[in-house]
């Protein structure tokens, strides 16, 4: 499975047809986004994170996958400020990884919910350490 945002072909490899069509059809009308935060490798010292990523490949990064009605930048800033934040992003978040998500945004709420799950699964299958919010 390819996760680089090269164009519609790579998106089609990642998403089921129904999710892909919902994302494309409503791209202009909706404002929800998925986002990926690069986490420090120190997150691997957290037993809960490690337990949820048994097939983690040490050559790949650890990431957090989420969805928001804000821009990814605004949401990342809120995580780091402790506002409705995920513990792993607040403590170990380094930066956003737009190369993994920006080609999918924006989308409707339901598509963003579905895409968050699909993106997390796809990254985990590739060996990334993933926490999904």
N, C-alpha and C. Protein backbone atom coordinates (compact mmCIF):
# COMPACT_ATOMS: atom_id res chain seq x y z
N UNK A 1 0.84 -1.18 0.00
CA UNK A 1 0.00 0.00 0.00
C UNK A 1 0.88 1.24 0.00
N UNK A 2 0.59 2.21 -0.84
CA UNK A 2 1.37 3.44 -0.96
C UNK A 2 0.66 4.56 -0.21
N UNK A 3 1.41 5.34 0.55
CA UNK A 3 0.80 6.43 1.28
C UNK A 3 1.31 7.79 0.88
N UNK A 4 2.19 7.87 -0.10
CA UNK A 4 2.64 9.18 -0.55
C UNK A 4 1.53 9.84 -1.35
N UNK A 5 1.36 11.12 -1.17
CA UNK A 5 0.30 11.85 -1.84
C UNK A 5 0.77 12.31 -3.21
N UNK A 6 0.78 11.40 -4.16
CA UNK A 6 1.28 11.70 -5.49
C UNK A 6 0.13 12.09 -6.42
N UNK A 7 -1.04 11.64 -6.13
CA UNK A 7 -2.18 11.97 -6.98
C UNK A 7 -3.32 11.02 -6.72
N UNK A 8 -4.35 11.07 -7.55
CA UNK A 8 -5.53 10.25 -7.33
C UNK A 8 -5.23 8.75 -7.29
N UNK A 9 -4.24 8.30 -8.06
CA UNK A 9 -3.95 6.87 -8.07
C UNK A 9 -3.52 6.37 -6.70
N UNK A 10 -2.63 7.12 -6.02
CA UNK A 10 -2.18 6.68 -4.70
C UNK A 10 -3.30 6.77 -3.68
N UNK A 11 -4.19 7.76 -3.84
CA UNK A 11 -5.32 7.85 -2.92
C UNK A 11 -6.21 6.64 -3.12
N UNK A 12 -6.42 6.22 -4.35
CA UNK A 12 -7.29 5.08 -4.62
C UNK A 12 -6.70 3.79 -4.03
N UNK A 13 -5.37 3.68 -3.97
CA UNK A 13 -4.77 2.50 -3.38
C UNK A 13 -5.01 2.44 -1.88
N UNK A 14 -5.14 3.57 -1.25
CA UNK A 14 -5.29 3.63 0.19
C UNK A 14 -6.73 3.52 0.63
N UNK A 15 -7.65 4.11 -0.10
CA UNK A 15 -9.03 4.21 0.34
C UNK A 15 -9.95 3.25 -0.40
N UNK A 16 -10.99 2.82 0.29
CA UNK A 16 -12.03 2.07 -0.39
C UNK A 16 -12.75 3.05 -1.32
N UNK A 17 -13.45 2.53 -2.31
CA UNK A 17 -14.13 3.39 -3.28
C UNK A 17 -15.11 4.35 -2.63
N UNK A 18 -15.90 3.88 -1.67
CA UNK A 18 -16.92 4.75 -1.08
C UNK A 18 -16.29 5.92 -0.34
N UNK A 19 -15.21 5.69 0.40
CA UNK A 19 -14.56 6.77 1.13
C UNK A 19 -13.90 7.72 0.15
N UNK A 20 -13.26 7.20 -0.87
CA UNK A 20 -12.61 8.04 -1.88
C UNK A 20 -13.63 8.98 -2.53
N UNK A 21 -14.77 8.44 -2.95
CA UNK A 21 -15.76 9.26 -3.62
C UNK A 21 -16.37 10.31 -2.69
N UNK A 22 -16.56 9.98 -1.41
CA UNK A 22 -17.06 10.97 -0.46
C UNK A 22 -16.04 12.09 -0.29
N UNK A 23 -14.75 11.75 -0.25
CA UNK A 23 -13.71 12.77 -0.10
C UNK A 23 -13.67 13.70 -1.30
N UNK A 24 -13.72 13.14 -2.50
CA UNK A 24 -13.61 13.93 -3.72
C UNK A 24 -14.87 14.76 -3.95
N UNK A 25 -16.03 14.15 -3.78
CA UNK A 25 -17.30 14.82 -4.08
C UNK A 25 -17.53 16.04 -3.19
N UNK A 26 -17.11 15.97 -1.93
CA UNK A 26 -17.40 17.05 -1.00
C UNK A 26 -16.20 17.91 -0.65
N UNK A 27 -15.12 17.80 -1.39
CA UNK A 27 -13.89 18.51 -1.05
C UNK A 27 -14.10 20.02 -0.95
N UNK A 28 -14.93 20.58 -1.79
CA UNK A 28 -15.12 22.02 -1.79
C UNK A 28 -16.03 22.48 -0.64
N UNK A 29 -17.03 21.68 -0.28
CA UNK A 29 -18.03 22.07 0.70
C UNK A 29 -17.58 21.91 2.14
N UNK A 30 -16.66 21.04 2.42
CA UNK A 30 -16.39 20.66 3.79
C UNK A 30 -15.01 21.10 4.27
N UNK A 31 -14.85 21.11 5.59
CA UNK A 31 -13.63 21.65 6.17
C UNK A 31 -12.91 20.71 7.13
N UNK A 32 -13.35 19.49 7.28
CA UNK A 32 -12.69 18.57 8.20
C UNK A 32 -11.41 18.01 7.57
N UNK A 33 -10.45 17.73 8.43
CA UNK A 33 -9.14 17.27 7.96
C UNK A 33 -8.65 16.10 8.79
N UNK A 34 -7.87 15.24 8.16
CA UNK A 34 -7.07 14.29 8.90
C UNK A 34 -5.67 14.89 8.99
N UNK A 35 -4.92 14.48 9.99
CA UNK A 35 -3.56 14.99 10.13
C UNK A 35 -2.70 13.92 10.78
N UNK A 36 -1.40 14.04 10.56
CA UNK A 36 -0.44 13.09 11.12
C UNK A 36 0.65 13.90 11.81
N UNK A 37 0.92 13.52 13.06
CA UNK A 37 1.96 14.18 13.85
C UNK A 37 3.12 13.21 14.02
N UNK A 38 4.31 13.66 13.69
CA UNK A 38 5.51 12.87 13.91
C UNK A 38 5.83 12.90 15.41
N UNK A 39 6.03 11.72 16.00
CA UNK A 39 6.32 11.62 17.42
C UNK A 39 7.79 11.24 17.64
N UNK A 40 8.34 11.70 18.74
CA UNK A 40 9.69 11.32 19.12
C UNK A 40 9.73 9.81 19.38
N UNK A 41 10.88 9.20 19.11
CA UNK A 41 11.03 7.76 19.38
C UNK A 41 10.93 7.45 20.88
N UNK A 42 11.03 8.48 21.72
CA UNK A 42 10.88 8.28 23.16
C UNK A 42 9.50 7.75 23.52
N UNK A 43 8.53 7.91 22.63
CA UNK A 43 7.19 7.39 22.89
C UNK A 43 7.22 5.86 23.02
N UNK A 44 8.26 5.24 22.47
CA UNK A 44 8.37 3.77 22.56
C UNK A 44 8.61 3.29 23.99
N UNK A 45 8.98 4.21 24.89
CA UNK A 45 9.14 3.84 26.29
C UNK A 45 7.80 3.77 27.02
N UNK A 46 6.75 4.22 26.36
CA UNK A 46 5.40 4.14 26.93
C UNK A 46 4.85 2.74 26.67
N UNK A 47 4.60 1.96 27.74
CA UNK A 47 4.14 0.58 27.56
C UNK A 47 2.87 0.46 26.71
N UNK A 48 1.94 1.39 26.89
CA UNK A 48 0.68 1.33 26.15
C UNK A 48 0.93 1.50 24.64
N UNK A 49 1.80 2.44 24.27
CA UNK A 49 2.11 2.67 22.86
C UNK A 49 2.80 1.44 22.28
N UNK A 50 3.77 0.93 23.00
CA UNK A 50 4.54 -0.23 22.53
C UNK A 50 3.63 -1.46 22.36
N UNK A 51 2.73 -1.66 23.33
CA UNK A 51 1.83 -2.80 23.30
C UNK A 51 0.89 -2.75 22.08
N UNK A 52 0.50 -1.55 21.68
CA UNK A 52 -0.42 -1.40 20.54
C UNK A 52 0.29 -1.45 19.18
N UNK A 53 1.61 -1.55 19.19
CA UNK A 53 2.39 -1.59 17.95
C UNK A 53 3.38 -2.75 17.95
N UNK A 54 2.88 -3.98 18.05
CA UNK A 54 3.79 -5.13 18.14
C UNK A 54 4.65 -5.37 16.89
N UNK A 55 4.17 -4.91 15.74
CA UNK A 55 4.91 -5.13 14.48
C UNK A 55 5.67 -3.88 14.03
N UNK A 56 5.99 -3.01 14.97
CA UNK A 56 6.68 -1.76 14.66
C UNK A 56 8.06 -2.05 14.06
N UNK A 57 8.36 -1.36 12.96
CA UNK A 57 9.65 -1.44 12.29
C UNK A 57 10.49 -0.25 12.76
N UNK A 58 11.62 -0.52 13.42
CA UNK A 58 12.45 0.55 14.01
C UNK A 58 12.98 1.54 12.97
N UNK A 59 12.94 1.18 11.70
CA UNK A 59 13.40 2.09 10.65
C UNK A 59 12.33 3.13 10.29
N UNK A 60 11.11 2.92 10.75
CA UNK A 60 10.00 3.83 10.44
C UNK A 60 9.73 4.75 11.63
N UNK A 61 9.12 5.90 11.39
CA UNK A 61 8.81 6.82 12.49
C UNK A 61 7.57 6.40 13.27
N UNK A 62 7.41 7.02 14.42
CA UNK A 62 6.19 6.86 15.22
C UNK A 62 5.33 8.09 14.93
N UNK A 63 4.02 7.87 14.79
CA UNK A 63 3.11 8.95 14.42
C UNK A 63 1.81 8.86 15.20
N UNK A 64 1.13 9.99 15.24
CA UNK A 64 -0.23 10.08 15.77
C UNK A 64 -1.12 10.49 14.60
N UNK A 65 -2.25 9.82 14.43
CA UNK A 65 -3.20 10.14 13.37
C UNK A 65 -4.48 10.64 14.01
N UNK A 66 -4.94 11.81 13.56
CA UNK A 66 -6.17 12.37 14.11
C UNK A 66 -7.00 13.05 13.04
N UNK A 67 -8.16 13.54 13.46
CA UNK A 67 -9.03 14.31 12.56
C UNK A 67 -9.51 15.54 13.30
N UNK A 68 -9.84 16.59 12.55
CA UNK A 68 -10.24 17.83 13.18
C UNK A 68 -11.09 18.67 12.24
N UNK A 69 -11.85 19.58 12.82
CA UNK A 69 -12.59 20.58 12.06
C UNK A 69 -11.78 21.85 11.92
N UNK A 70 -10.65 21.91 12.60
CA UNK A 70 -9.72 23.05 12.51
C UNK A 70 -8.70 22.76 11.41
N UNK A 71 -7.78 23.66 11.20
CA UNK A 71 -6.66 23.32 10.31
C UNK A 71 -5.72 22.41 11.10
N UNK A 72 -4.95 21.56 10.44
CA UNK A 72 -4.00 20.71 11.16
C UNK A 72 -3.03 21.53 12.03
N UNK A 73 -2.58 22.68 11.54
CA UNK A 73 -1.68 23.53 12.33
C UNK A 73 -2.33 23.99 13.63
N UNK A 74 -3.58 24.44 13.53
CA UNK A 74 -4.29 24.90 14.73
C UNK A 74 -4.47 23.75 15.72
N UNK A 75 -4.82 22.58 15.20
CA UNK A 75 -5.05 21.43 16.08
C UNK A 75 -3.75 21.00 16.75
N UNK A 76 -2.65 20.99 16.01
CA UNK A 76 -1.36 20.63 16.59
C UNK A 76 -0.99 21.60 17.72
N UNK A 77 -1.20 22.89 17.49
CA UNK A 77 -0.91 23.89 18.52
C UNK A 77 -1.74 23.65 19.77
N UNK A 78 -3.01 23.27 19.60
CA UNK A 78 -3.86 22.99 20.76
C UNK A 78 -3.39 21.75 21.51
N UNK A 79 -2.96 20.71 20.77
CA UNK A 79 -2.39 19.52 21.42
C UNK A 79 -1.21 19.94 22.31
N UNK A 80 -0.29 20.71 21.74
CA UNK A 80 0.92 21.09 22.47
C UNK A 80 0.62 22.00 23.65
N UNK A 81 -0.48 22.77 23.56
CA UNK A 81 -0.89 23.65 24.65
C UNK A 81 -1.70 22.91 25.72
N UNK A 82 -2.02 21.64 25.47
CA UNK A 82 -2.79 20.87 26.44
C UNK A 82 -4.29 21.05 26.33
N UNK A 83 -4.77 21.62 25.24
CA UNK A 83 -6.21 21.84 25.04
C UNK A 83 -6.78 20.65 24.27
N UNK A 84 -7.62 19.86 24.96
CA UNK A 84 -8.18 18.63 24.36
C UNK A 84 -7.08 17.83 23.67
N UNK A 85 -6.00 17.64 24.38
CA UNK A 85 -4.82 17.05 23.76
C UNK A 85 -4.69 15.56 24.04
N UNK A 86 -3.99 14.91 23.16
CA UNK A 86 -3.60 13.53 23.36
C UNK A 86 -2.26 13.54 24.09
N UNK A 87 -2.13 12.68 25.07
CA UNK A 87 -0.91 12.63 25.89
C UNK A 87 0.35 12.46 25.04
N UNK A 88 0.29 11.55 24.07
CA UNK A 88 1.47 11.26 23.27
C UNK A 88 1.87 12.45 22.39
N UNK A 89 0.89 13.18 21.88
CA UNK A 89 1.21 14.36 21.07
C UNK A 89 1.75 15.47 21.96
N UNK A 90 1.11 15.67 23.10
CA UNK A 90 1.55 16.74 24.01
C UNK A 90 2.99 16.51 24.47
N UNK A 91 3.33 15.26 24.83
CA UNK A 91 4.65 14.96 25.38
C UNK A 91 5.71 14.67 24.32
N UNK A 92 5.31 14.04 23.22
CA UNK A 92 6.30 13.55 22.24
C UNK A 92 6.13 14.11 20.83
N UNK A 93 5.13 14.95 20.61
CA UNK A 93 4.88 15.49 19.26
C UNK A 93 6.00 16.42 18.82
N UNK A 94 6.54 16.17 17.64
CA UNK A 94 7.64 16.98 17.10
C UNK A 94 7.14 17.99 16.07
N UNK A 95 6.37 17.49 15.11
CA UNK A 95 5.88 18.35 14.03
C UNK A 95 4.80 17.60 13.26
N UNK A 96 4.09 18.33 12.44
CA UNK A 96 3.14 17.69 11.53
C UNK A 96 3.91 17.03 10.39
N UNK A 97 3.31 15.99 9.81
CA UNK A 97 3.91 15.31 8.66
C UNK A 97 2.95 15.44 7.47
N UNK A 98 2.87 16.64 6.87
CA UNK A 98 1.88 16.87 5.81
C UNK A 98 2.05 15.98 4.58
N UNK A 99 3.23 15.47 4.37
CA UNK A 99 3.45 14.58 3.22
C UNK A 99 2.60 13.31 3.32
N UNK A 100 2.10 13.00 4.50
CA UNK A 100 1.29 11.80 4.70
C UNK A 100 -0.22 12.06 4.66
N UNK A 101 -0.64 13.33 4.66
CA UNK A 101 -2.08 13.58 4.75
C UNK A 101 -2.62 14.72 3.89
N UNK A 102 -1.82 15.67 3.48
CA UNK A 102 -2.40 16.89 2.92
C UNK A 102 -3.17 16.69 1.62
N UNK A 103 -2.88 15.66 0.86
CA UNK A 103 -3.62 15.44 -0.38
C UNK A 103 -5.04 14.96 -0.14
N UNK A 104 -5.38 14.55 1.09
CA UNK A 104 -6.72 14.05 1.38
C UNK A 104 -7.68 15.15 1.84
N UNK A 105 -7.17 16.29 2.27
CA UNK A 105 -7.98 17.32 2.90
C UNK A 105 -8.44 18.38 1.91
N UNK A 106 -9.56 19.05 2.14
CA UNK A 106 -10.56 18.84 3.19
C UNK A 106 -11.56 17.77 2.79
N UNK A 107 -12.42 17.41 3.74
CA UNK A 107 -13.43 16.39 3.50
C UNK A 107 -14.58 16.56 4.49
N UNK A 108 -15.70 15.88 4.25
CA UNK A 108 -16.80 15.97 5.20
C UNK A 108 -16.47 15.21 6.49
N UNK A 109 -17.24 15.48 7.52
CA UNK A 109 -17.00 14.91 8.84
C UNK A 109 -16.90 13.38 8.80
N UNK A 110 -17.89 12.72 8.21
CA UNK A 110 -17.92 11.26 8.20
C UNK A 110 -16.73 10.69 7.42
N UNK A 111 -16.38 11.31 6.32
CA UNK A 111 -15.22 10.85 5.55
C UNK A 111 -13.94 11.02 6.35
N UNK A 112 -13.84 12.10 7.12
CA UNK A 112 -12.65 12.32 7.94
C UNK A 112 -12.56 11.26 9.04
N UNK A 113 -13.69 10.91 9.63
CA UNK A 113 -13.69 9.85 10.64
C UNK A 113 -13.20 8.53 10.04
N UNK A 114 -13.73 8.20 8.87
CA UNK A 114 -13.34 6.95 8.20
C UNK A 114 -11.87 7.00 7.77
N UNK A 115 -11.46 8.14 7.24
CA UNK A 115 -10.10 8.28 6.75
C UNK A 115 -9.08 8.19 7.88
N UNK A 116 -9.42 8.73 9.05
CA UNK A 116 -8.51 8.63 10.20
C UNK A 116 -8.19 7.17 10.50
N UNK A 117 -9.21 6.34 10.51
CA UNK A 117 -9.03 4.91 10.79
C UNK A 117 -8.24 4.24 9.68
N UNK A 118 -8.63 4.50 8.43
CA UNK A 118 -7.95 3.86 7.29
C UNK A 118 -6.48 4.27 7.19
N UNK A 119 -6.21 5.54 7.43
CA UNK A 119 -4.84 6.03 7.36
C UNK A 119 -4.00 5.40 8.47
N UNK A 120 -4.54 5.31 9.67
CA UNK A 120 -3.82 4.68 10.78
C UNK A 120 -3.53 3.21 10.48
N UNK A 121 -4.51 2.51 9.96
CA UNK A 121 -4.32 1.09 9.62
C UNK A 121 -3.25 0.95 8.53
N UNK A 122 -3.34 1.79 7.50
CA UNK A 122 -2.37 1.73 6.40
C UNK A 122 -0.95 1.99 6.86
N UNK A 123 -0.78 2.99 7.72
CA UNK A 123 0.56 3.28 8.23
C UNK A 123 1.07 2.15 9.12
N UNK A 124 0.21 1.62 9.97
CA UNK A 124 0.61 0.52 10.85
C UNK A 124 1.01 -0.71 10.03
N UNK A 125 0.29 -0.98 8.96
CA UNK A 125 0.63 -2.11 8.08
C UNK A 125 2.00 -1.92 7.43
N UNK A 126 2.42 -0.68 7.26
CA UNK A 126 3.73 -0.40 6.67
C UNK A 126 4.85 -0.40 7.71
N UNK A 127 4.52 -0.64 8.97
CA UNK A 127 5.54 -0.73 10.00
C UNK A 127 5.70 0.50 10.86
N UNK A 128 4.91 1.55 10.62
CA UNK A 128 4.96 2.74 11.45
C UNK A 128 4.44 2.41 12.86
N UNK A 129 4.96 3.11 13.85
CA UNK A 129 4.37 3.07 15.19
C UNK A 129 3.24 4.07 15.18
N UNK A 130 2.01 3.63 15.41
CA UNK A 130 0.84 4.51 15.22
C UNK A 130 -0.01 4.56 16.48
N UNK A 131 -0.41 5.78 16.83
CA UNK A 131 -1.44 5.98 17.84
C UNK A 131 -2.53 6.79 17.14
N UNK A 132 -3.76 6.34 17.29
CA UNK A 132 -4.86 6.99 16.61
C UNK A 132 -5.77 7.62 17.65
N UNK A 133 -6.19 8.86 17.38
CA UNK A 133 -7.02 9.58 18.33
C UNK A 133 -8.38 9.73 17.84
